[in-house]
Amino acid sequence: MTEQDFTRDQVVSLDTLPATLPIFPLGGVLLLPRAELPLHIFEPRYRAMTRDALAGGNVIGMVQPVDPKAEGAQPTVYPVGCAGRIANCRKTDDGRYHYTLVGVCRFRVRDELPLHDGYRRVDADYAPYAADLAPPADGVDRTRLVALLRPYCEARGLSADWSTVEKTADENLVSALAMMCPFAPSEKQALLEAPTIAERVRVLGALMEMTLAVR
């Protein structure tokens, strides 16, 4: 097994993000700026994608198919995704990859490009989400969020380490909940597209309230 390590704190600007972005469509999987997503890459086309990304800027984009049950090599994807930088990459002897994708910046798909070695690529526009590259400026209603989280976990049969929840910084907590809670793909997309963290908290609260309302 070989290993490559890339710093998650590397300085990134709009100019350094790749205009041609390889994408990894995966239903129900969400990546947010500054959050971490562990990935196990085994399909040949995504091995090729990873290999090419590692030879370039170490960046790939996570997107969701509009219809998670759609068949075919190129199902329609949502127009907004999140680019992430590969970190802590390990390659197994049989060619699989294990790495963490660290969210950098959301993007809008301008156009889809021809397949390359079986994987998909898009012309990505990061400009609408330039604020993702700066520390978040808005606060969140943490008290209300945690108050909803407890009954939501009970309703879903989920366990939580409440001491860890209390210690987790606001943005990290919001991102973890958005990525880990069992929301529908369309609901996760709404969380991704929320303009600010405060708005993401509002969407999170509304989704939890809907779950509690139908108990």
Protein backbone atom coordinates (compact mmCIF):
# COMPACT_ATOMS: atom_id res chain seq x y z
CA MET A 1 0.00 0.00 0.00
CA THR A 2 1.31 3.45 -0.92
CA GLU A 3 0.32 6.71 0.72
CA GLN A 4 0.29 10.36 -0.28
CA ASP A 5 -0.60 13.14 2.13
CA PHE A 6 -1.83 16.57 1.07
CA THR A 7 -2.38 19.36 3.56
CA ARG A 8 -6.01 20.33 4.10
CA ASP A 9 -4.94 23.90 4.90
CA GLN A 10 -3.44 24.66 1.49
CA VAL A 11 -4.35 28.18 0.39
CA VAL A 12 -7.07 28.09 -2.27
CA SER A 13 -8.48 30.89 -4.41
CA LEU A 14 -10.96 30.97 -7.27
CA ASP A 15 -8.02 31.22 -9.66
CA THR A 16 -6.46 27.99 -8.40
CA LEU A 17 -9.61 25.87 -8.64
CA PRO A 18 -9.83 23.81 -11.85
CA ALA A 19 -12.28 25.07 -14.47
CA THR A 20 -12.53 21.51 -15.82
CA LEU A 21 -13.65 19.51 -12.82
CA PRO A 22 -14.02 15.71 -12.59
CA ILE A 23 -17.24 14.81 -10.81
CA PHE A 24 -18.25 11.87 -8.65
CA PRO A 25 -22.07 11.48 -8.75
CA LEU A 26 -23.30 9.78 -5.59
CA GLY A 27 -26.91 9.94 -4.40
CA GLY A 28 -27.53 10.83 -0.77
CA VAL A 29 -23.89 11.81 -0.20
CA LEU A 30 -23.15 15.40 0.70
CA LEU A 31 -19.91 17.38 0.92
CA LEU A 32 -19.82 20.89 2.39
CA PRO A 33 -17.03 23.48 2.50
CA ARG A 34 -14.43 22.71 5.19
CA ALA A 35 -16.12 19.38 6.00
CA GLU A 36 -14.51 15.96 5.51
CA LEU A 37 -15.86 13.00 3.55
CA PRO A 38 -14.07 9.60 3.63
CA LEU A 39 -14.16 7.79 0.28
CA HIS A 40 -13.26 4.29 -0.89
CA ILE A 41 -12.67 4.27 -4.65
CA PHE A 42 -12.84 0.90 -6.41
CA GLU A 43 -14.62 1.31 -9.78
CA PRO A 44 -12.16 1.54 -12.71
CA ARG A 45 -13.55 4.87 -13.96
CA TYR A 46 -13.23 6.48 -10.54
CA ARG A 47 -9.77 5.03 -10.07
CA ALA A 48 -8.87 6.81 -13.32
CA MET A 49 -10.53 9.98 -12.01
CA THR A 50 -8.53 9.82 -8.79
CA ARG A 51 -5.28 9.09 -10.60
CA ASP A 52 -5.75 12.09 -12.89
CA ALA A 53 -6.76 14.35 -10.00
CA LEU A 54 -3.66 13.37 -8.03
CA ALA A 55 -1.52 14.22 -11.06
CA GLY A 56 -3.16 17.65 -11.24
CA GLY A 57 -4.71 19.82 -8.56
CA ASN A 58 -6.00 17.02 -6.26
CA VAL A 59 -9.57 18.34 -6.65
CA ILE A 60 -12.77 16.49 -7.56
CA GLY A 61 -16.41 17.51 -7.33
CA MET A 62 -19.16 15.71 -5.45
CA VAL A 63 -22.61 15.91 -7.04
CA GLN A 64 -25.90 14.07 -6.64
CA PRO A 65 -27.99 12.49 -9.40
CA VAL A 66 -31.41 14.15 -9.63
CA ASP A 67 -32.97 10.68 -9.64
CA PRO A 68 -30.97 8.33 -7.35
CA LYS A 69 -32.55 5.33 -9.11
CA ALA A 70 -31.67 6.49 -12.62
CA GLU A 71 -29.75 3.98 -14.71
CA GLY A 72 -27.11 4.54 -17.35
CA ALA A 73 -23.60 5.96 -17.36
CA GLN A 74 -24.61 9.62 -17.25
CA PRO A 75 -27.74 10.26 -15.19
CA THR A 76 -28.78 13.89 -14.88
CA VAL A 77 -27.11 15.54 -11.89
CA TYR A 78 -28.10 18.55 -9.83
CA PRO A 79 -26.53 21.78 -11.12
CA VAL A 80 -24.79 22.56 -7.81
CA GLY A 81 -22.08 20.45 -6.18
CA CYS A 82 -19.07 20.91 -3.92
CA ALA A 83 -15.43 20.64 -4.91
CA GLY A 84 -13.10 18.90 -2.48
CA ARG A 85 -9.36 18.44 -2.13
CA ILE A 86 -7.96 14.93 -1.76
CA ALA A 87 -6.13 14.40 1.55
CA ASN A 88 -4.58 11.38 3.29
CA CYS A 89 -4.66 9.28 0.15
CA ARG A 90 -3.73 5.60 0.33
CA LYS A 91 -3.56 3.30 -2.68
CA THR A 92 -3.88 -0.43 -2.13
CA ASP A 93 -1.84 -3.03 -3.99
CA ASP A 94 -4.86 -3.91 -6.14
CA GLY A 95 -5.36 -0.30 -7.26
CA ARG A 96 -8.13 0.90 -4.96
CA TYR A 97 -7.92 4.28 -3.23
CA HIS A 98 -8.85 5.37 0.28
CA TYR A 99 -8.82 9.08 1.01
CA THR A 100 -10.55 11.97 2.70
CA LEU A 101 -12.15 14.63 0.57
CA VAL A 102 -11.99 18.03 2.28
CA GLY A 103 -14.68 20.44 1.07
CA VAL A 104 -13.33 23.60 -0.54
CA CYS A 105 -16.01 25.46 -2.49
CA ARG A 106 -19.39 24.84 -4.03
CA PHE A 107 -19.78 25.20 -7.79
CA ARG A 108 -22.43 25.48 -10.45
CA VAL A 109 -22.27 23.27 -13.54
CA ARG A 110 -21.96 25.43 -16.64
CA ASP A 111 -21.79 22.49 -19.02
CA GLU A 112 -20.89 18.83 -19.07
CA LEU A 113 -17.84 17.80 -21.08
CA PRO A 114 -17.17 14.51 -22.93
CA LEU A 115 -16.28 11.49 -20.83
CA HIS A 116 -12.59 10.96 -20.11
CA ASP A 117 -11.42 7.42 -19.27
CA GLY A 118 -15.02 6.65 -18.37
CA TYR A 119 -15.51 9.40 -15.78
CA ARG A 120 -17.51 12.59 -16.08
CA ARG A 121 -16.21 16.15 -16.17
CA VAL A 122 -17.91 19.53 -16.06
CA ASP A 123 -17.11 23.14 -16.75
CA ALA A 124 -17.43 24.48 -13.18
CA ASP A 125 -18.33 28.01 -12.10
CA TYR A 126 -17.21 28.74 -8.54
CA ALA A 127 -17.86 32.49 -8.59
CA PRO A 128 -21.40 32.35 -7.11
CA TYR A 129 -19.92 30.63 -4.05
CA ALA A 130 -16.71 32.63 -3.56
CA ALA A 131 -17.76 33.26 0.05
CA ASP A 132 -17.11 29.55 0.74
CA LEU A 133 -13.38 30.33 0.62
CA ALA A 134 -13.62 32.73 3.57
CA PRO A 135 -14.41 31.90 7.21
CA PRO A 136 -18.17 31.93 7.86
CA ALA A 137 -19.37 35.32 9.06
CA ASP A 138 -22.88 34.55 10.27
CA GLY A 139 -23.92 33.02 13.58
CA VAL A 140 -26.40 30.20 14.08
CA ASP A 141 -29.29 29.49 16.42
CA ARG A 142 -27.45 26.65 18.12
CA THR A 143 -29.85 26.41 21.07
CA ARG A 144 -32.85 25.72 18.84
CA LEU A 145 -30.87 23.29 16.70
CA VAL A 146 -29.72 21.17 19.65
CA ALA A 147 -33.23 21.30 21.15
CA LEU A 148 -34.59 19.78 17.92
CA LEU A 149 -31.73 17.32 17.58
CA ARG A 150 -32.54 15.39 20.75
CA PRO A 151 -36.14 14.42 19.83
CA TYR A 152 -35.08 13.93 16.19
CA CYS A 153 -32.48 11.35 17.22
CA GLU A 154 -35.05 9.60 19.39
CA ALA A 155 -37.57 9.53 16.53
CA ARG A 156 -34.98 8.10 14.13
CA GLY A 157 -33.47 5.68 16.63
CA LEU A 158 -30.11 7.42 16.42
CA SER A 159 -27.55 7.76 19.18
CA ALA A 160 -25.40 10.82 19.82
CA ASP A 161 -22.50 11.70 22.06
CA TRP A 162 -23.99 14.81 23.61
CA SER A 163 -20.76 15.86 25.31
CA THR A 164 -19.10 15.92 21.88
CA VAL A 165 -22.05 17.81 20.42
CA GLU A 166 -21.65 20.51 23.06
CA LYS A 167 -17.92 20.88 22.32
CA THR A 168 -18.23 20.96 18.52
CA ALA A 169 -17.89 24.34 16.83
CA ASP A 170 -21.03 25.71 15.19
CA GLU A 171 -20.07 25.21 11.54
CA ASN A 172 -18.62 21.75 12.18
CA LEU A 173 -21.79 20.69 13.98
CA VAL A 174 -24.06 21.99 11.23
CA SER A 175 -21.99 20.32 8.50
CA ALA A 176 -21.84 17.01 10.38
CA LEU A 177 -25.61 16.95 10.87
CA ALA A 178 -26.31 17.89 7.26
CA MET A 179 -23.98 15.20 5.97
CA MET A 180 -24.75 12.39 8.43
CA CYS A 181 -28.48 12.66 9.16
CA PRO A 182 -30.63 10.31 7.04
CA PHE A 183 -32.30 12.96 4.92
CA ALA A 184 -33.55 12.28 1.40
CA PRO A 185 -31.19 13.21 -1.47
CA SER A 186 -33.39 16.18 -2.46
CA GLU A 187 -33.31 17.39 1.15
CA LYS A 188 -29.53 17.08 1.27
CA GLN A 189 -29.38 19.11 -1.93
CA ALA A 190 -31.43 21.85 -0.27
CA LEU A 191 -28.91 21.87 2.59
CA LEU A 192 -26.03 22.13 0.11
CA GLU A 193 -27.61 25.03 -1.76
CA ALA A 194 -28.51 27.02 1.37
CA PRO A 195 -26.76 30.37 0.81
CA THR A 196 -25.37 30.74 4.34
CA ILE A 197 -24.78 28.59 7.39
CA ALA A 198 -27.61 30.39 9.19
CA GLU A 199 -29.94 29.43 6.34
CA ARG A 200 -28.60 25.86 6.43
CA VAL A 201 -29.54 25.71 10.11
CA ARG A 202 -33.03 26.93 9.24
CA VAL A 203 -33.39 24.15 6.64
CA LEU A 204 -32.01 21.58 9.10
CA GLY A 205 -34.55 22.67 11.69
CA ALA A 206 -37.40 22.46 9.20
CA LEU A 207 -36.40 18.95 8.13
CA MET A 208 -36.19 17.77 11.73
CA GLU A 209 -39.57 19.33 12.51
CA MET A 210 -41.15 17.52 9.54
CA THR A 211 -39.82 14.21 10.85
CA LEU A 212 -41.20 14.91 14.31
CA ALA A 213 -44.55 16.00 12.91
CA VAL A 214 -45.21 12.62 11.26
CA ARG A 215 -44.26 10.43 14.25
